[in-house]
């Protein structure tokens, strides 16, 4: 699927209809439909409009198409209410996992794996797993802290 077809799908599957979507985007319905039409090469969504469309429809197909075309894998970062500490832990986990995948990609590029390359992959894997474990521990601590005192671990 190409990006315009992803946008077409987002526009036409919008539960509230194209009239309300167009109004929310500040454009006429006909303009919206022309921009979403894969056969109309004269009109298209600006990058900002593409983001707005995906935010309003909750259909992120355009983003997925771009990422795929550029060789990326996307992970949606969860919205956390656990404060900055958890948000930083999520970002750290994503960064460490990304570095692990980057190292794996580089190591596999020539089709062989040296001992030094294997050591690099192992080191990045350990860092990614440590970040995941840290995030899980922080979330478990939030869960434990939310329990009534008599249900918490070590309660008398």
N, C-alpha and C. Protein backbone atom coordinates (compact mmCIF):
# COMPACT_ATOMS: atom_id res chain seq x y z
N UNK A 1 0.85 -1.18 0.00
CA UNK A 1 0.00 0.00 0.00
C UNK A 1 0.89 1.23 0.00
N UNK A 2 0.51 2.26 -0.76
CA UNK A 2 1.26 3.49 -0.71
C UNK A 2 0.60 4.47 0.27
N UNK A 3 1.29 5.57 0.52
CA UNK A 3 0.84 6.51 1.54
C UNK A 3 -0.52 7.13 1.19
N UNK A 4 -0.73 7.48 -0.06
CA UNK A 4 -2.01 8.08 -0.46
C UNK A 4 -3.15 7.09 -0.25
N UNK A 5 -2.93 5.84 -0.56
CA UNK A 5 -3.97 4.83 -0.32
C UNK A 5 -4.23 4.65 1.17
N UNK A 6 -3.20 4.77 1.98
CA UNK A 6 -3.38 4.70 3.43
C UNK A 6 -4.23 5.88 3.90
N UNK A 7 -3.96 7.06 3.36
CA UNK A 7 -4.76 8.24 3.71
C UNK A 7 -6.20 8.09 3.21
N UNK A 8 -6.36 7.53 2.01
CA UNK A 8 -7.69 7.29 1.46
C UNK A 8 -8.50 6.40 2.42
N UNK A 9 -7.86 5.34 2.87
CA UNK A 9 -8.51 4.43 3.80
C UNK A 9 -8.88 5.15 5.10
N UNK A 10 -7.98 5.96 5.63
CA UNK A 10 -8.24 6.69 6.87
C UNK A 10 -9.43 7.64 6.71
N UNK A 11 -9.47 8.34 5.59
CA UNK A 11 -10.57 9.29 5.33
C UNK A 11 -11.90 8.55 5.21
N UNK A 12 -11.93 7.50 4.44
CA UNK A 12 -13.20 6.83 4.15
C UNK A 12 -13.67 5.88 5.25
N UNK A 13 -12.79 5.52 6.16
CA UNK A 13 -13.19 4.68 7.29
C UNK A 13 -13.49 5.49 8.55
N UNK A 14 -13.33 6.79 8.48
CA UNK A 14 -13.56 7.63 9.65
C UNK A 14 -15.01 7.50 10.10
N UNK A 15 -15.21 7.09 11.33
CA UNK A 15 -16.54 6.74 11.84
C UNK A 15 -17.54 7.90 11.79
N UNK A 16 -17.08 9.11 11.94
CA UNK A 16 -17.99 10.26 11.96
C UNK A 16 -18.26 10.83 10.57
N UNK A 17 -17.65 10.26 9.55
CA UNK A 17 -17.91 10.68 8.18
C UNK A 17 -16.95 11.73 7.66
N UNK A 18 -16.94 11.86 6.35
CA UNK A 18 -16.00 12.78 5.71
C UNK A 18 -16.34 14.24 5.95
N UNK A 19 -17.63 14.55 6.12
CA UNK A 19 -18.01 15.95 6.39
C UNK A 19 -17.39 16.43 7.70
N UNK A 20 -17.53 15.63 8.75
CA UNK A 20 -16.99 16.05 10.05
C UNK A 20 -15.46 16.03 10.05
N UNK A 21 -14.86 15.09 9.33
CA UNK A 21 -13.40 15.05 9.25
C UNK A 21 -12.88 16.29 8.53
N UNK A 22 -13.51 16.64 7.43
CA UNK A 22 -13.10 17.83 6.70
C UNK A 22 -13.22 19.07 7.57
N UNK A 23 -14.33 19.19 8.29
CA UNK A 23 -14.52 20.35 9.17
C UNK A 23 -13.44 20.38 10.25
N UNK A 24 -13.12 19.24 10.82
CA UNK A 24 -12.10 19.18 11.87
C UNK A 24 -10.73 19.55 11.32
N UNK A 25 -10.50 19.28 10.03
CA UNK A 25 -9.22 19.61 9.41
C UNK A 25 -9.20 21.01 8.82
N UNK A 26 -10.34 21.70 8.88
CA UNK A 26 -10.40 23.07 8.37
C UNK A 26 -10.37 23.17 6.86
N UNK A 27 -11.00 22.21 6.20
CA UNK A 27 -11.05 22.24 4.73
C UNK A 27 -12.41 21.77 4.26
N UNK A 28 -12.69 22.05 3.00
CA UNK A 28 -13.95 21.59 2.42
C UNK A 28 -13.88 20.08 2.19
N UNK A 29 -15.06 19.47 2.21
CA UNK A 29 -15.14 18.02 2.00
C UNK A 29 -14.55 17.64 0.64
N UNK A 30 -14.85 18.39 -0.39
CA UNK A 30 -14.33 18.06 -1.73
C UNK A 30 -12.81 18.14 -1.76
N UNK A 31 -12.25 19.10 -1.06
CA UNK A 31 -10.78 19.21 -1.00
C UNK A 31 -10.20 17.99 -0.30
N UNK A 32 -10.81 17.59 0.81
CA UNK A 32 -10.37 16.40 1.54
C UNK A 32 -10.40 15.18 0.63
N UNK A 33 -11.49 15.01 -0.08
CA UNK A 33 -11.64 13.84 -0.96
C UNK A 33 -10.63 13.85 -2.10
N UNK A 34 -10.36 15.04 -2.65
CA UNK A 34 -9.36 15.13 -3.72
C UNK A 34 -7.97 14.79 -3.19
N UNK A 35 -7.64 15.28 -2.01
CA UNK A 35 -6.33 15.02 -1.44
C UNK A 35 -6.15 13.54 -1.11
N UNK A 36 -7.24 12.87 -0.76
CA UNK A 36 -7.17 11.45 -0.41
C UNK A 36 -7.30 10.54 -1.62
N UNK A 37 -7.60 11.08 -2.78
CA UNK A 37 -7.81 10.28 -3.99
C UNK A 37 -6.47 9.86 -4.59
N UNK A 38 -6.18 8.57 -4.64
CA UNK A 38 -4.89 8.13 -5.20
C UNK A 38 -4.74 8.42 -6.69
N UNK A 39 -5.83 8.72 -7.36
CA UNK A 39 -5.76 8.99 -8.80
C UNK A 39 -5.68 10.47 -9.11
N UNK A 40 -5.78 11.33 -8.10
CA UNK A 40 -5.69 12.78 -8.29
C UNK A 40 -4.30 13.23 -7.87
N UNK A 41 -3.42 13.43 -8.85
CA UNK A 41 -2.04 13.79 -8.53
C UNK A 41 -1.86 15.29 -8.37
N UNK A 42 -2.93 16.05 -8.57
CA UNK A 42 -2.84 17.50 -8.46
C UNK A 42 -2.97 18.01 -7.03
N UNK A 43 -3.56 17.23 -6.15
CA UNK A 43 -3.73 17.64 -4.76
C UNK A 43 -3.23 16.53 -3.85
N UNK A 44 -2.68 16.92 -2.74
CA UNK A 44 -2.17 15.94 -1.78
C UNK A 44 -2.09 16.59 -0.40
N UNK A 45 -1.96 15.76 0.62
CA UNK A 45 -1.84 16.25 1.98
C UNK A 45 -0.42 16.76 2.23
N UNK A 46 -0.32 17.93 2.86
CA UNK A 46 1.00 18.39 3.31
C UNK A 46 1.45 17.48 4.45
N UNK A 47 2.71 17.49 4.80
CA UNK A 47 3.14 16.66 5.94
C UNK A 47 2.34 16.96 7.21
N UNK A 48 2.07 18.22 7.47
CA UNK A 48 1.31 18.59 8.66
C UNK A 48 -0.13 18.09 8.57
N UNK A 49 -0.73 18.15 7.40
CA UNK A 49 -2.09 17.64 7.23
C UNK A 49 -2.12 16.12 7.39
N UNK A 50 -1.08 15.44 6.92
CA UNK A 50 -1.01 13.99 7.08
C UNK A 50 -0.97 13.61 8.56
N UNK A 51 -0.20 14.35 9.33
CA UNK A 51 -0.15 14.10 10.77
C UNK A 51 -1.51 14.38 11.40
N UNK A 52 -2.11 15.51 11.04
CA UNK A 52 -3.43 15.87 11.59
C UNK A 52 -4.47 14.80 11.23
N UNK A 53 -4.47 14.35 9.99
CA UNK A 53 -5.40 13.31 9.55
C UNK A 53 -5.24 12.05 10.40
N UNK A 54 -4.01 11.64 10.61
CA UNK A 54 -3.76 10.42 11.37
C UNK A 54 -4.12 10.60 12.84
N UNK A 55 -3.92 11.80 13.38
CA UNK A 55 -4.31 12.05 14.76
C UNK A 55 -5.83 12.01 14.92
N UNK A 56 -6.54 12.62 13.98
CA UNK A 56 -8.01 12.68 14.07
C UNK A 56 -8.66 11.33 13.84
N UNK A 57 -8.13 10.55 12.92
CA UNK A 57 -8.76 9.27 12.58
C UNK A 57 -8.22 8.10 13.40
N UNK A 58 -7.10 8.31 14.08
CA UNK A 58 -6.41 7.24 14.82
C UNK A 58 -5.97 6.12 13.88
N UNK A 59 -5.88 6.41 12.60
CA UNK A 59 -5.38 5.45 11.60
C UNK A 59 -4.00 5.95 11.19
N UNK A 60 -2.96 5.24 11.61
CA UNK A 60 -1.59 5.68 11.37
C UNK A 60 -0.96 4.95 10.20
N UNK A 61 -1.78 4.53 9.26
CA UNK A 61 -1.29 3.80 8.09
C UNK A 61 -0.27 4.57 7.28
N UNK A 62 -0.43 5.88 7.15
CA UNK A 62 0.53 6.69 6.40
C UNK A 62 1.92 6.64 7.03
N UNK A 63 1.96 6.72 8.34
CA UNK A 63 3.22 6.64 9.06
C UNK A 63 3.87 5.27 8.88
N UNK A 64 3.06 4.22 8.95
CA UNK A 64 3.57 2.86 8.79
C UNK A 64 4.14 2.68 7.38
N UNK A 65 3.45 3.22 6.38
CA UNK A 65 3.95 3.13 5.01
C UNK A 65 5.30 3.82 4.89
N UNK A 66 5.42 5.03 5.44
CA UNK A 66 6.70 5.76 5.37
C UNK A 66 7.81 4.98 6.07
N UNK A 67 7.52 4.50 7.26
CA UNK A 67 8.54 3.77 8.02
C UNK A 67 8.99 2.53 7.25
N UNK A 68 8.05 1.80 6.70
CA UNK A 68 8.37 0.59 5.95
C UNK A 68 9.22 0.92 4.73
N UNK A 69 8.82 1.95 4.00
CA UNK A 69 9.57 2.36 2.80
C UNK A 69 11.01 2.75 3.13
N UNK A 70 11.22 3.32 4.33
CA UNK A 70 12.54 3.78 4.72
C UNK A 70 13.32 2.74 5.53
N UNK A 71 12.71 1.55 5.71
CA UNK A 71 13.41 0.47 6.39
C UNK A 71 13.35 0.51 7.90
N UNK A 72 12.32 1.17 8.45
CA UNK A 72 12.19 1.27 9.91
C UNK A 72 11.08 0.36 10.42
N UNK A 73 11.18 0.04 11.70
CA UNK A 73 10.14 -0.67 12.42
C UNK A 73 9.64 0.30 13.48
N UNK A 74 8.34 0.44 13.61
CA UNK A 74 7.76 1.37 14.57
C UNK A 74 7.27 0.67 15.81
N UNK A 75 7.43 1.34 16.93
CA UNK A 75 6.85 0.92 18.19
C UNK A 75 6.14 2.12 18.76
N UNK A 76 4.88 1.97 19.08
CA UNK A 76 4.16 3.08 19.69
C UNK A 76 4.54 3.15 21.16
N UNK A 77 5.02 4.31 21.56
CA UNK A 77 5.39 4.52 22.95
C UNK A 77 4.13 4.69 23.77
N UNK A 78 3.99 3.93 24.84
CA UNK A 78 2.78 4.07 25.65
C UNK A 78 2.72 5.42 26.35
N UNK A 79 1.52 5.91 26.54
CA UNK A 79 1.31 7.13 27.31
C UNK A 79 1.26 6.72 28.78
N UNK A 80 2.20 7.20 29.54
CA UNK A 80 2.29 6.77 30.93
C UNK A 80 1.88 7.89 31.87
N UNK A 81 1.14 7.52 32.90
CA UNK A 81 0.79 8.47 33.94
C UNK A 81 1.70 8.29 35.14
N UNK A 82 2.70 7.46 35.02
CA UNK A 82 3.56 7.15 36.13
C UNK A 82 4.65 8.17 36.39
N UNK A 83 4.63 9.28 35.69
CA UNK A 83 5.60 10.33 35.93
C UNK A 83 6.80 10.23 35.01
N UNK A 84 7.68 11.20 35.18
CA UNK A 84 8.86 11.31 34.32
C UNK A 84 9.77 10.10 34.41
N UNK A 85 9.88 9.49 35.58
CA UNK A 85 10.78 8.36 35.75
C UNK A 85 10.38 7.21 34.82
N UNK A 86 9.09 6.92 34.76
CA UNK A 86 8.63 5.85 33.86
C UNK A 86 8.77 6.25 32.40
N UNK A 87 8.46 7.49 32.09
CA UNK A 87 8.60 7.95 30.70
C UNK A 87 10.05 7.85 30.26
N UNK A 88 10.98 8.22 31.12
CA UNK A 88 12.40 8.10 30.77
C UNK A 88 12.79 6.63 30.62
N UNK A 89 12.23 5.78 31.46
CA UNK A 89 12.54 4.34 31.36
C UNK A 89 12.02 3.77 30.05
N UNK A 90 10.82 4.21 29.61
CA UNK A 90 10.29 3.76 28.32
C UNK A 90 11.20 4.23 27.20
N UNK A 91 11.57 5.50 27.22
CA UNK A 91 12.45 6.03 26.17
C UNK A 91 13.80 5.31 26.16
N UNK A 92 14.34 5.03 27.34
CA UNK A 92 15.60 4.31 27.43
C UNK A 92 15.46 2.90 26.84
N UNK A 93 14.36 2.24 27.14
CA UNK A 93 14.12 0.89 26.61
C UNK A 93 14.05 0.90 25.09
N UNK A 94 13.33 1.86 24.54
CA UNK A 94 13.23 1.97 23.08
C UNK A 94 14.60 2.25 22.48
N UNK A 95 15.36 3.17 23.10
CA UNK A 95 16.69 3.51 22.58
C UNK A 95 17.61 2.29 22.61
N UNK A 96 17.62 1.57 23.75
CA UNK A 96 18.50 0.40 23.86
C UNK A 96 18.12 -0.69 22.87
N UNK A 97 16.82 -0.91 22.69
CA UNK A 97 16.38 -1.92 21.73
C UNK A 97 16.76 -1.51 20.31
N UNK A 98 16.63 -0.22 20.02
CA UNK A 98 17.00 0.30 18.70
C UNK A 98 18.50 0.12 18.46
N UNK A 99 19.29 0.38 19.47
CA UNK A 99 20.75 0.19 19.33
C UNK A 99 21.08 -1.28 19.12
N UNK A 100 20.38 -2.16 19.81
CA UNK A 100 20.57 -3.60 19.62
C UNK A 100 20.27 -3.98 18.17
N UNK A 101 19.11 -3.53 17.67
CA UNK A 101 18.74 -3.87 16.28
C UNK A 101 19.72 -3.26 15.29
N UNK A 102 20.19 -2.05 15.55
CA UNK A 102 21.17 -1.41 14.67
C UNK A 102 22.46 -2.21 14.60
N UNK A 103 22.90 -2.68 15.76
CA UNK A 103 24.12 -3.49 15.80
C UNK A 103 23.92 -4.80 15.04
N UNK A 104 22.78 -5.45 15.26
CA UNK A 104 22.49 -6.70 14.56
C UNK A 104 22.49 -6.47 13.05
N UNK A 105 21.87 -5.40 12.61
CA UNK A 105 21.82 -5.07 11.18
C UNK A 105 23.21 -4.88 10.60
N UNK A 106 24.05 -4.13 11.32
CA UNK A 106 25.42 -3.90 10.86
C UNK A 106 26.22 -5.21 10.79
N UNK A 107 26.08 -6.02 11.83
CA UNK A 107 26.83 -7.28 11.90
C UNK A 107 26.43 -8.22 10.77
N UNK A 108 25.15 -8.26 10.45
CA UNK A 108 24.68 -9.19 9.42
C UNK A 108 24.86 -8.69 8.00
N UNK A 109 25.30 -7.45 7.85
CA UNK A 109 25.38 -6.83 6.52
C UNK A 109 26.28 -7.61 5.56
N UNK A 110 27.39 -8.15 6.05
CA UNK A 110 28.31 -8.84 5.14
C UNK A 110 28.10 -10.36 5.12
N UNK A 111 27.13 -10.84 5.87
CA UNK A 111 26.79 -12.26 5.82
C UNK A 111 27.64 -13.15 6.71
N UNK A 112 28.57 -12.58 7.46
CA UNK A 112 29.36 -13.38 8.39
C UNK A 112 29.44 -12.65 9.73
N UNK A 113 29.74 -13.41 10.77
CA UNK A 113 29.79 -12.83 12.12
C UNK A 113 31.12 -13.21 12.76
N UNK A 114 31.92 -12.19 13.06
CA UNK A 114 33.19 -12.42 13.73
C UNK A 114 32.97 -12.52 15.24
N UNK A 115 34.01 -12.94 15.95
CA UNK A 115 33.92 -13.03 17.41
C UNK A 115 33.69 -11.65 18.02
N UNK A 116 34.35 -10.63 17.50
CA UNK A 116 34.15 -9.27 18.00
C UNK A 116 32.73 -8.78 17.74
N UNK A 117 32.20 -9.11 16.57
CA UNK A 117 30.83 -8.71 16.26
C UNK A 117 29.83 -9.41 17.17
N UNK A 118 30.07 -10.69 17.43
CA UNK A 118 29.20 -11.43 18.34
C UNK A 118 29.24 -10.80 19.73
N UNK A 119 30.41 -10.39 20.17
CA UNK A 119 30.55 -9.74 21.48
C UNK A 119 29.78 -8.41 21.50
N UNK A 120 29.80 -7.67 20.39
CA UNK A 120 29.03 -6.42 20.30
C UNK A 120 27.53 -6.71 20.40
N UNK A 121 27.07 -7.73 19.68
CA UNK A 121 25.65 -8.09 19.72
C UNK A 121 25.28 -8.52 21.14
N UNK A 122 26.11 -9.32 21.76
CA UNK A 122 25.84 -9.76 23.13
C UNK A 122 25.74 -8.57 24.09
N UNK A 123 26.66 -7.63 23.97
CA UNK A 123 26.66 -6.46 24.85
C UNK A 123 25.40 -5.62 24.65
N UNK A 124 25.03 -5.40 23.41
CA UNK A 124 23.82 -4.62 23.14
C UNK A 124 22.57 -5.36 23.61
N UNK A 125 22.57 -6.67 23.46
CA UNK A 125 21.44 -7.49 23.92
C UNK A 125 21.28 -7.36 25.43
N UNK A 126 22.38 -7.44 26.15
CA UNK A 126 22.34 -7.33 27.61
C UNK A 126 21.82 -5.95 28.02
N UNK A 127 22.28 -4.90 27.34
CA UNK A 127 21.81 -3.55 27.67
C UNK A 127 20.31 -3.40 27.39
N UNK A 128 19.84 -3.97 26.28
CA UNK A 128 18.41 -3.90 25.95
C UNK A 128 17.59 -4.67 26.98
N UNK A 129 18.06 -5.87 27.34
CA UNK A 129 17.33 -6.66 28.34
C UNK A 129 17.34 -5.97 29.70
N UNK A 130 18.42 -5.32 30.04
CA UNK A 130 18.48 -4.60 31.31
C UNK A 130 17.49 -3.44 31.32
N UNK A 131 17.38 -2.73 30.20
CA UNK A 131 16.43 -1.63 30.12
C UNK A 131 14.99 -2.14 30.22
N UNK A 132 14.70 -3.25 29.56
CA UNK A 132 13.36 -3.85 29.63
C UNK A 132 13.07 -4.28 31.07
N UNK A 133 14.03 -4.91 31.70
CA UNK A 133 13.86 -5.37 33.09
C UNK A 133 13.64 -4.18 34.03
N UNK A 134 14.39 -3.11 33.83
CA UNK A 134 14.23 -1.90 34.65
C UNK A 134 12.83 -1.32 34.48
N UNK A 135 12.36 -1.24 33.26
CA UNK A 135 11.02 -0.71 33.01
C UNK A 135 9.97 -1.59 33.66
N UNK A 136 10.10 -2.91 33.52
CA UNK A 136 9.14 -3.81 34.13
C UNK A 136 9.15 -3.64 35.65
N UNK A 137 10.31 -3.49 36.25
CA UNK A 137 10.41 -3.31 37.71
C UNK A 137 9.75 -2.01 38.15
N UNK A 138 9.92 -0.96 37.37
CA UNK A 138 9.29 0.32 37.71
C UNK A 138 7.76 0.21 37.64
N UNK A 139 7.28 -0.47 36.64
CA UNK A 139 5.83 -0.64 36.51
C UNK A 139 5.30 -1.53 37.64
N UNK A 140 6.03 -2.57 37.98
CA UNK A 140 5.62 -3.43 39.09
C UNK A 140 5.61 -2.63 40.40
N UNK A 141 6.58 -1.75 40.58
CA UNK A 141 6.62 -0.91 41.79
C UNK A 141 5.42 0.03 41.85
N UNK A 142 5.03 0.58 40.70
CA UNK A 142 3.83 1.44 40.66
C UNK A 142 2.59 0.63 41.05
N UNK A 143 2.51 -0.59 40.55
CA UNK A 143 1.39 -1.46 40.87
C UNK A 143 1.36 -1.75 42.37
N UNK A 144 2.52 -2.09 42.90
CA UNK A 144 2.61 -2.42 44.33
C UNK A 144 2.24 -1.21 45.19
N UNK A 145 2.71 -0.04 44.79
CA UNK A 145 2.43 1.18 45.56
C UNK A 145 0.95 1.55 45.53
N UNK A 146 0.25 1.13 44.50
CA UNK A 146 -1.18 1.46 44.37
C UNK A 146 -2.06 0.54 45.21
N UNK A 147 -1.50 -0.56 45.69
CA UNK A 147 -2.29 -1.50 46.50
C UNK A 147 -2.53 -0.91 47.89
N UNK A 148 -3.62 -1.34 48.53
CA UNK A 148 -3.80 -0.96 49.93
C UNK A 148 -2.63 -1.50 50.76
N UNK A 149 -2.28 -0.80 51.82
CA UNK A 149 -1.11 -1.17 52.63
C UNK A 149 -1.13 -2.64 53.08
N UNK A 150 -2.30 -3.14 53.45
CA UNK A 150 -2.36 -4.52 53.94
C UNK A 150 -2.12 -5.57 52.86
N UNK A 151 -2.21 -5.16 51.57
CA UNK A 151 -1.97 -6.11 50.47
C UNK A 151 -0.56 -6.01 49.91
N UNK A 152 0.21 -5.04 50.34
CA UNK A 152 1.56 -4.87 49.80
C UNK A 152 2.49 -5.96 50.32
N UNK A 153 3.51 -6.23 49.52
CA UNK A 153 4.49 -7.25 49.91
C UNK A 153 5.11 -6.88 51.26
N UNK A 154 5.27 -7.89 52.07
CA UNK A 154 5.90 -7.67 53.37
C UNK A 154 4.97 -7.04 54.40
N UNK A 155 3.68 -6.90 54.05
CA UNK A 155 2.75 -6.33 55.02
C UNK A 155 2.47 -7.34 56.13
N UNK A 156 2.35 -6.84 57.38
CA UNK A 156 2.09 -7.77 58.48
C UNK A 156 0.70 -8.38 58.41
